[in-house]
Amino acid sequence: MTEETLLVFPCRFPIKMMVRAEVDLQALIDELVAPYADAFSADDVSMRPSKNGNYIAVTITITATSKAQLDTIYQAMTDHEHVLMSL
C-alpha cells in the first residue's frame, strides 16, 4: 500500500503558527523552518498581532518538496515551547 497525499510536490504551502508577542520571531523562524526549507524571503512571511497584542499569528509560505519535509517542520513546531499552535 502506498501513502497518498492531496498535494502535488513541489508546491507553495503556507505554514501557520501562533506565538506569544514577546518571542523573537526571526530566531524562531530560523530555528524551526529555515533548516528544512529552501530559501524564502521576507515577502513569504506575514505576521498579524492579536486584538490585545498578546499573540502573533505567523504565516510562512515555503516551496514544499515532500510530505516528509512538511511533517518534519510541523513536528519541530509542535515540540517547541514557544509555539502555542500550528496549522
PDB file of N, CA and C in Angstrom:
ATOM      1  N   MET A   1       0.844  -1.182   0.000  1.00  0.00           N
ATOM      2  CA  MET A   1       0.000   0.000   0.000  1.00  0.00           C
ATOM      3  C   MET A   1       0.890   1.246   0.000  1.00  0.00           C
ATOM      4  N   THR A   2       0.551   2.221  -0.807  1.00  0.00           N
ATOM      5  CA  THR A   2       1.346   3.443  -0.888  1.00  0.00           C
ATOM      6  C   THR A   2       0.660   4.565  -0.124  1.00  0.00           C
ATOM      7  N   GLU A   3       1.462   5.504   0.320  1.00  0.00           N
ATOM      8  CA  GLU A   3       0.940   6.662   1.036  1.00  0.00           C
ATOM      9  C   GLU A   3       0.475   7.694   0.024  1.00  0.00           C
ATOM     10  N   GLU A   4      -0.768   8.145   0.169  1.00  0.00           N
ATOM     11  CA  GLU A   4      -1.306   9.125  -0.765  1.00  0.00           C
ATOM     12  C   GLU A   4      -1.371  10.494  -0.108  1.00  0.00           C
ATOM     13  N   THR A   5      -1.258  11.513  -0.928  1.00  0.00           N
ATOM     14  CA  THR A   5      -1.381  12.882  -0.449  1.00  0.00           C
ATOM     15  C   THR A   5      -2.169  13.679  -1.473  1.00  0.00           C
ATOM     16  N   LEU A   6      -2.857  14.684  -1.017  1.00  0.00           N
ATOM     17  CA  LEU A   6      -3.628  15.539  -1.914  1.00  0.00           C
ATOM     18  C   LEU A   6      -2.762  16.602  -2.562  1.00  0.00           C
ATOM     19  N   LEU A   7      -1.557  16.748  -2.083  1.00  0.00           N
ATOM     20  CA  LEU A   7      -0.647  17.754  -2.619  1.00  0.00           C
ATOM     21  C   LEU A   7       0.216  17.162  -3.721  1.00  0.00           C
ATOM     22  N   VAL A   8       0.544  17.994  -4.693  1.00  0.00           N
ATOM     23  CA  VAL A   8       1.484  17.616  -5.745  1.00  0.00           C
ATOM     24  C   VAL A   8       2.752  18.427  -5.502  1.00  0.00           C
ATOM     25  N   PHE A   9       3.841  17.731  -5.252  1.00  0.00           N
ATOM     26  CA  PHE A   9       5.102  18.396  -4.917  1.00  0.00           C
ATOM     27  C   PHE A   9       5.971  18.563  -6.138  1.00  0.00           C
ATOM     28  N   PRO A  10       6.757  19.629  -6.211  1.00  0.00           N
ATOM     29  CA  PRO A  10       6.838  20.745  -5.262  1.00  0.00           C
ATOM     30  C   PRO A  10       5.631  21.673  -5.399  1.00  0.00           C
ATOM     31  N   CYS A  11       5.292  22.347  -4.311  1.00  0.00           N
ATOM     32  CA  CYS A  11       4.177  23.295  -4.319  1.00  0.00           C
ATOM     33  C   CYS A  11       4.414  24.368  -3.262  1.00  0.00           C
ATOM     34  N   ARG A  12       3.753  25.498  -3.434  1.00  0.00           N
ATOM     35  CA  ARG A  12       3.794  26.561  -2.428  1.00  0.00           C
ATOM     36  C   ARG A  12       2.836  26.145  -1.313  1.00  0.00           C
ATOM     37  N   PHE A  13       3.293  26.251  -0.063  1.00  0.00           N
ATOM     38  CA  PHE A  13       2.495  25.773   1.057  1.00  0.00           C
ATOM     39  C   PHE A  13       2.622  26.736   2.232  1.00  0.00           C
ATOM     40  N   PRO A  14       1.480  27.222   2.761  1.00  0.00           N
ATOM     41  CA  PRO A  14       1.532  28.135   3.909  1.00  0.00           C
ATOM     42  C   PRO A  14       1.603  27.357   5.226  1.00  0.00           C
ATOM     43  N   ILE A  15       2.588  27.673   6.019  1.00  0.00           N
ATOM     44  CA  ILE A  15       2.740  27.086   7.348  1.00  0.00           C
ATOM     45  C   ILE A  15       2.354  28.172   8.341  1.00  0.00           C
ATOM     46  N   LYS A  16       1.455  27.822   9.265  1.00  0.00           N
ATOM     47  CA  LYS A  16       0.949  28.833  10.196  1.00  0.00           C
ATOM     48  C   LYS A  16       1.237  28.421  11.630  1.00  0.00           C
ATOM     49  N   MET A  17       1.573  29.425  12.434  1.00  0.00           N
ATOM     50  CA  MET A  17       1.766  29.170  13.857  1.00  0.00           C
ATOM     51  C   MET A  17       1.353  30.396  14.661  1.00  0.00           C
ATOM     52  N   MET A  18       1.001  30.135  15.911  1.00  0.00           N
ATOM     53  CA  MET A  18       0.638  31.192  16.847  1.00  0.00           C
ATOM     54  C   MET A  18       1.674  31.191  17.959  1.00  0.00           C
ATOM     55  N   VAL A  19       2.222  32.380  18.247  1.00  0.00           N
ATOM     56  CA  VAL A  19       3.241  32.519  19.294  1.00  0.00           C
ATOM     57  C   VAL A  19       2.898  33.719  20.175  1.00  0.00           C
ATOM     58  N   ARG A  20       3.504  33.773  21.346  1.00  0.00           N
ATOM     59  CA  ARG A  20       3.345  34.950  22.207  1.00  0.00           C
ATOM     60  C   ARG A  20       4.105  36.119  21.591  1.00  0.00           C
ATOM     61  N   ALA A  21       3.626  37.325  21.825  1.00  0.00           N
ATOM     62  CA  ALA A  21       4.186  38.523  21.192  1.00  0.00           C
ATOM     63  C   ALA A  21       5.637  38.782  21.582  1.00  0.00           C
ATOM     64  N   GLU A  22       6.067  38.332  22.752  1.00  0.00           N
ATOM     65  CA  GLU A  22       7.430  38.646  23.195  1.00  0.00           C
ATOM     66  C   GLU A  22       8.501  37.736  22.584  1.00  0.00           C
ATOM     67  N   VAL A  23       8.108  36.758  21.806  1.00  0.00           N
ATOM     68  CA  VAL A  23       9.058  35.816  21.192  1.00  0.00           C
ATOM     69  C   VAL A  23       9.838  36.495  20.062  1.00  0.00           C
ATOM     70  N   ASP A  24      11.116  36.182  19.956  1.00  0.00           N
ATOM     71  CA  ASP A  24      11.957  36.665  18.852  1.00  0.00           C
ATOM     72  C   ASP A  24      11.588  35.853  17.611  1.00  0.00           C
ATOM     73  N   LEU A  25      10.732  36.426  16.775  1.00  0.00           N
ATOM     74  CA  LEU A  25      10.205  35.691  15.622  1.00  0.00           C
ATOM     75  C   LEU A  25      11.278  35.288  14.625  1.00  0.00           C
ATOM     76  N   GLN A  26      12.224  36.163  14.363  1.00  0.00           N
ATOM     77  CA  GLN A  26      13.265  35.827  13.385  1.00  0.00           C
ATOM     78  C   GLN A  26      14.063  34.612  13.848  1.00  0.00           C
ATOM     79  N   ALA A  27      14.425  34.589  15.117  1.00  0.00           N
ATOM     80  CA  ALA A  27      15.176  33.449  15.656  1.00  0.00           C
ATOM     81  C   ALA A  27      14.342  32.175  15.610  1.00  0.00           C
ATOM     82  N   LEU A  28      13.058  32.301  15.900  1.00  0.00           N
ATOM     83  CA  LEU A  28      12.168  31.142  15.882  1.00  0.00           C
ATOM     84  C   LEU A  28      12.028  30.575  14.470  1.00  0.00           C
ATOM     85  N   ILE A  29      11.839  31.443  13.490  1.00  0.00           N
ATOM     86  CA  ILE A  29      11.738  31.010  12.092  1.00  0.00           C
ATOM     87  C   ILE A  29      13.053  30.385  11.640  1.00  0.00           C
ATOM     88  N   ASP A  30      14.161  31.003  12.023  1.00  0.00           N
ATOM     89  CA  ASP A  30      15.479  30.461  11.664  1.00  0.00           C
ATOM     90  C   ASP A  30      15.693  29.067  12.257  1.00  0.00           C
ATOM     91  N   GLU A  31      15.158  28.844  13.437  1.00  0.00           N
ATOM     92  CA  GLU A  31      15.335  27.558  14.112  1.00  0.00           C
ATOM     93  C   GLU A  31      14.382  26.483  13.598  1.00  0.00           C
ATOM     94  N   LEU A  32      13.119  26.852  13.353  1.00  0.00           N
ATOM     95  CA  LEU A  32      12.098  25.848  13.058  1.00  0.00           C
ATOM     96  C   LEU A  32      11.851  25.581  11.578  1.00  0.00           C
ATOM     97  N   VAL A  33      11.989  26.586  10.741  1.00  0.00           N
ATOM     98  CA  VAL A  33      11.614  26.420   9.334  1.00  0.00           C
ATOM     99  C   VAL A  33      12.820  26.457   8.402  1.00  0.00           C
ATOM    100  N   ALA A  34      13.695  27.418   8.587  1.00  0.00           N
ATOM    101  CA  ALA A  34      14.821  27.607   7.662  1.00  0.00           C
ATOM    102  C   ALA A  34      15.674  26.356   7.432  1.00  0.00           C
ATOM    103  N   PRO A  35      15.946  25.530   8.455  1.00  0.00           N
ATOM    104  CA  PRO A  35      16.783  24.354   8.196  1.00  0.00           C
ATOM    105  C   PRO A  35      16.141  23.325   7.265  1.00  0.00           C
ATOM    106  N   TYR A  36      14.823  23.373   7.133  1.00  0.00           N
ATOM    107  CA  TYR A  36      14.108  22.345   6.378  1.00  0.00           C
ATOM    108  C   TYR A  36      13.518  22.839   5.067  1.00  0.00           C
ATOM    109  N   ALA A  37      13.609  24.136   4.813  1.00  0.00           N
ATOM    110  CA  ALA A  37      13.001  24.712   3.609  1.00  0.00           C
ATOM    111  C   ALA A  37      14.055  25.462   2.809  1.00  0.00           C
ATOM    112  N   ASP A  38      13.879  25.458   1.492  1.00  0.00           N
ATOM    113  CA  ASP A  38      14.763  26.256   0.647  1.00  0.00           C
ATOM    114  C   ASP A  38      14.586  27.723   1.015  1.00  0.00           C
ATOM    115  N   ALA A  39      15.488  28.533   0.545  1.00  0.00           N
ATOM    116  CA  ALA A  39      15.465  29.963   0.869  1.00  0.00           C
ATOM    117  C   ALA A  39      14.086  30.569   0.622  1.00  0.00           C
ATOM    118  N   PHE A  40      13.672  31.371   1.561  1.00  0.00           N
ATOM    119  CA  PHE A  40      12.444  32.142   1.393  1.00  0.00           C
ATOM    120  C   PHE A  40      12.746  33.557   1.849  1.00  0.00           C
ATOM    121  N   SER A  41      11.959  34.496   1.361  1.00  0.00           N
ATOM    122  CA  SER A  41      12.242  35.908   1.631  1.00  0.00           C
ATOM    123  C   SER A  41      11.267  36.475   2.658  1.00  0.00           C
ATOM    124  N   ALA A  42      11.497  37.703   3.025  1.00  0.00           N
ATOM    125  CA  ALA A  42      10.595  38.395   3.950  1.00  0.00           C
ATOM    126  C   ALA A  42       9.192  38.500   3.365  1.00  0.00           C
ATOM    127  N   ASP A  43       9.094  38.521   2.034  1.00  0.00           N
ATOM    128  CA  ASP A  43       7.780  38.570   1.382  1.00  0.00           C
ATOM    129  C   ASP A  43       6.982  37.294   1.624  1.00  0.00           C
ATOM    130  N   ASP A  44       7.658  36.211   1.987  1.00  0.00           N
ATOM    131  CA  ASP A  44       6.998  34.932   2.233  1.00  0.00           C
ATOM    132  C   ASP A  44       6.521  34.789   3.676  1.00  0.00           C
ATOM    133  N   VAL A  45       6.800  35.786   4.498  1.00  0.00           N
ATOM    134  CA  VAL A  45       6.431  35.746   5.909  1.00  0.00           C
ATOM    135  C   VAL A  45       5.450  36.877   6.193  1.00  0.00           C
ATOM    136  N   SER A  46       4.306  36.527   6.778  1.00  0.00           N
ATOM    137  CA  SER A  46       3.366  37.569   7.195  1.00  0.00           C
ATOM    138  C   SER A  46       3.032  37.353   8.668  1.00  0.00           C
ATOM    139  N   MET A  47       2.796  38.464   9.362  1.00  0.00           N
ATOM    140  CA  MET A  47       2.507  38.421  10.783  1.00  0.00           C
ATOM    141  C   MET A  47       1.290  39.284  11.069  1.00  0.00           C
ATOM    142  N   ARG A  48       0.468  38.789  11.994  1.00  0.00           N
ATOM    143  CA  ARG A  48      -0.710  39.545  12.382  1.00  0.00           C
ATOM    144  C   ARG A  48      -0.861  39.469  13.896  1.00  0.00           C
ATOM    145  N   PRO A  49      -0.826  40.612  14.571  1.00  0.00           N
ATOM    146  CA  PRO A  49      -0.978  40.597  16.028  1.00  0.00           C
ATOM    147  C   PRO A  49      -2.433  40.347  16.428  1.00  0.00           C
ATOM    148  N   SER A  50      -2.620  39.788  17.616  1.00  0.00           N
ATOM    149  CA  SER A  50      -3.967  39.592  18.143  1.00  0.00           C
ATOM    150  C   SER A  50      -4.555  40.943  18.542  1.00  0.00           C
ATOM    151  N   LYS A  51      -5.827  40.951  18.811  1.00  0.00           N
ATOM    152  CA  LYS A  51      -6.535  42.187  19.152  1.00  0.00           C
ATOM    153  C   LYS A  51      -5.874  42.941  20.306  1.00  0.00           C
ATOM    154  N   ASN A  52      -5.462  42.225  21.341  1.00  0.00           N
ATOM    155  CA  ASN A  52      -4.842  42.860  22.505  1.00  0.00           C
ATOM    156  C   ASN A  52      -3.318  42.877  22.446  1.00  0.00           C
ATOM    157  N   GLY A  53      -2.745  42.373  21.361  1.00  0.00           N
ATOM    158  CA  GLY A  53      -1.302  42.405  21.190  1.00  0.00           C
ATOM    159  C   GLY A  53      -0.518  41.372  21.983  1.00  0.00           C
ATOM    160  N   ASN A  54      -1.211  40.385  22.549  1.00  0.00           N
ATOM    161  CA  ASN A  54      -0.532  39.361  23.343  1.00  0.00           C
ATOM    162  C   ASN A  54       0.072  38.242  22.498  1.00  0.00           C
ATOM    163  N   TYR A  55      -0.484  38.031  21.317  1.00  0.00           N
ATOM    164  CA  TYR A  55      -0.076  36.920  20.458  1.00  0.00           C
ATOM    165  C   TYR A  55       0.170  37.415  19.040  1.00  0.00           C
ATOM    166  N   ILE A  56       0.909  36.621  18.276  1.00  0.00           N
ATOM    167  CA  ILE A  56       1.139  36.935  16.871  1.00  0.00           C
ATOM    168  C   ILE A  56       0.874  35.677  16.055  1.00  0.00           C
ATOM    169  N   ALA A  57       0.053  35.826  15.029  1.00  0.00           N
ATOM    170  CA  ALA A  57      -0.172  34.749  14.067  1.00  0.00           C
ATOM    171  C   ALA A  57       0.844  34.936  12.947  1.00  0.00           C
ATOM    172  N   VAL A  58       1.598  33.888  12.659  1.00  0.00           N
ATOM    173  CA  VAL A  58       2.657  33.945  11.656  1.00  0.00           C
ATOM    174  C   VAL A  58       2.333  32.961  10.541  1.00  0.00           C
ATOM    175  N   THR A  59       2.441  33.417   9.297  1.00  0.00           N
ATOM    176  CA  THR A  59       2.304  32.538   8.140  1.00  0.00           C
ATOM    177  C   THR A  59       3.587  32.621   7.339  1.00  0.00           C
ATOM    178  N   ILE A  60       4.179  31.457   7.083  1.00  0.00           N
ATOM    179  CA  ILE A  60       5.400  31.366   6.283  1.00  0.00           C
ATOM    180  C   ILE A  60       5.074  30.488   5.085  1.00  0.00           C
ATOM    181  N   THR A  61       5.150  31.049   3.898  1.00  0.00           N
ATOM    182  CA  THR A  61       4.855  30.278   2.699  1.00  0.00           C
ATOM    183  C   THR A  61       6.166  29.779   2.107  1.00  0.00           C
ATOM    184  N   ILE A  62       6.282  28.455   2.042  1.00  0.00           N
ATOM    185  CA  ILE A  62       7.507  27.834   1.533  1.00  0.00           C
ATOM    186  C   ILE A  62       7.199  27.054   0.256  1.00  0.00           C
ATOM    187  N   THR A  63       8.234  26.669  -0.441  1.00  0.00           N
ATOM    188  CA  THR A  63       8.085  25.720  -1.535  1.00  0.00           C
ATOM    189  C   THR A  63       8.326  24.346  -0.928  1.00  0.00           C
ATOM    190  N   ALA A  64       7.236  23.625  -0.706  1.00  0.00           N
ATOM    191  CA  ALA A  64       7.323  22.299  -0.095  1.00  0.00           C
ATOM    192  C   ALA A  64       7.737  21.283  -1.149  1.00  0.00           C
ATOM    193  N   THR A  65       8.642  20.400  -0.776  1.00  0.00           N
ATOM    194  CA  THR A  65       9.143  19.403  -1.722  1.00  0.00           C
ATOM    195  C   THR A  65       8.648  17.993  -1.424  1.00  0.00           C
ATOM    196  N   SER A  66       8.112  17.769  -0.212  1.00  0.00           N
ATOM    197  CA  SER A  66       7.604  16.437   0.122  1.00  0.00           C
ATOM    198  C   SER A  66       6.740  16.502   1.378  1.00  0.00           C
ATOM    199  N   LYS A  67       5.942  15.461   1.577  1.00  0.00           N
ATOM    200  CA  LYS A  67       5.148  15.351   2.791  1.00  0.00           C
ATOM    201  C   LYS A  67       6.078  15.192   3.996  1.00  0.00           C
ATOM    202  N   ALA A  68       7.162  14.454   3.819  1.00  0.00           N
ATOM    203  CA  ALA A  68       8.122  14.259   4.911  1.00  0.00           C
ATOM    204  C   ALA A  68       8.709  15.593   5.377  1.00  0.00           C
ATOM    205  N   GLN A  69       8.990  16.491   4.439  1.00  0.00           N
ATOM    206  CA  GLN A  69       9.507  17.813   4.785  1.00  0.00           C
ATOM    207  C   GLN A  69       8.492  18.564   5.649  1.00  0.00           C
ATOM    208  N   LEU A  70       7.232  18.569   5.233  1.00  0.00           N
ATOM    209  CA  LEU A  70       6.189  19.253   5.999  1.00  0.00           C
ATOM    210  C   LEU A  70       6.015  18.615   7.372  1.00  0.00           C
ATOM    211  N   ASP A  71       6.029  17.290   7.427  1.00  0.00           N
ATOM    212  CA  ASP A  71       5.906  16.593   8.710  1.00  0.00           C
ATOM    213  C   ASP A  71       7.037  16.981   9.658  1.00  0.00           C
ATOM    214  N   THR A  72       8.243  17.102   9.139  1.00  0.00           N
ATOM    215  CA  THR A  72       9.399  17.474   9.955  1.00  0.00           C
ATOM    216  C   THR A  72       9.243  18.885  10.516  1.00  0.00           C
ATOM    217  N   ILE A  73       8.806  19.817   9.680  1.00  0.00           N
ATOM    218  CA  ILE A  73       8.605  21.201  10.130  1.00  0.00           C
ATOM    219  C   ILE A  73       7.512  21.262  11.189  1.00  0.00           C
ATOM    220  N   TYR A  74       6.381  20.597  10.931  1.00  0.00           N
ATOM    221  CA  TYR A  74       5.285  20.621  11.899  1.00  0.00           C
ATOM    222  C   TYR A  74       5.683  19.944  13.212  1.00  0.00           C
ATOM    223  N   GLN A  75       6.473  18.900  13.156  1.00  0.00           N
ATOM    224  CA  GLN A  75       6.926  18.243  14.385  1.00  0.00           C
ATOM    225  C   GLN A  75       7.840  19.176  15.179  1.00  0.00           C
ATOM    226  N   ALA A  76       8.723  19.878  14.491  1.00  0.00           N
ATOM    227  CA  ALA A  76       9.607  20.839  15.161  1.00  0.00           C
ATOM    228  C   ALA A  76       8.788  21.942  15.831  1.00  0.00           C
ATOM    229  N   MET A  77       7.748  22.418  15.162  1.00  0.00           N
ATOM    230  CA  MET A  77       6.900  23.461  15.749  1.00  0.00           C
ATOM    231  C   MET A  77       6.125  22.915  16.944  1.00  0.00           C
ATOM    232  N   THR A  78       5.577  21.714  16.816  1.00  0.00           N
ATOM    233  CA  THR A  78       4.812  21.105  17.900  1.00  0.00           C
ATOM    234  C   THR A  78       5.676  20.905  19.143  1.00  0.00           C
ATOM    235  N   ASP A  79       6.921  20.542  18.939  1.00  0.00           N
ATOM    236  CA  ASP A  79       7.833  20.278  20.056  1.00  0.00           C
ATOM    237  C   ASP A  79       8.390  21.540  20.713  1.00  0.00           C
ATOM    238  N   HIS A  80       8.254  22.687  20.056  1.00  0.00           N
ATOM    239  CA  HIS A  80       8.878  23.913  20.564  1.00  0.00           C
ATOM    240  C   HIS A  80       7.994  24.595  21.604  1.00  0.00           C
ATOM    241  N   GLU A  81       8.599  24.999  22.703  1.00  0.00           N
ATOM    242  CA  GLU A  81       7.856  25.602  23.809  1.00  0.00           C
ATOM    243  C   GLU A  81       7.197  26.937  23.470  1.00  0.00           C
ATOM    244  N   HIS A  82       7.724  27.685  22.507  1.00  0.00           N
ATOM    245  CA  HIS A  82       7.167  28.999  22.189  1.00  0.00           C
ATOM    246  C   HIS A  82       6.022  28.954  21.177  1.00  0.00           C
ATOM    247  N   VAL A  83       5.839  27.829  20.527  1.00  0.00           N
ATOM    248  CA  VAL A  83       4.749  27.707  19.552  1.00  0.00           C
ATOM    249  C   VAL A  83       3.513  27.208  20.291  1.00  0.00           C
ATOM    250  N   LEU A  84       2.486  28.051  20.326  1.00  0.00           N
ATOM    251  CA  LEU A  84       1.266  27.702  21.040  1.00  0.00           C
ATOM    252  C   LEU A  84       0.345  26.838  20.191  1.00  0.00           C
ATOM    253  N   MET A  85       0.377  27.067  18.875  1.00  0.00           N
ATOM    254  CA  MET A  85      -0.482  26.327  17.962  1.00  0.00           C
ATOM    255  C   MET A  85       0.138  26.371  16.574  1.00  0.00           C
ATOM    256  N   SER A  86      -0.050  25.299  15.814  1.00  0.00           N
ATOM    257  CA  SER A  86       0.410  25.300  14.421  1.00  0.00           C
ATOM    258  C   SER A  86      -0.690  24.726  13.545  1.00  0.00           C
ATOM    259  N   LEU A  87      -0.765  25.256  12.331  1.00  0.00           N
ATOM    260  CA  LEU A  87      -1.779  24.805  11.361  1.00  0.00           C
ATOM    261  C   LEU A  87      -1.110  24.536  10.040  1.00  0.00           C
TER     262      LEU A  87
END
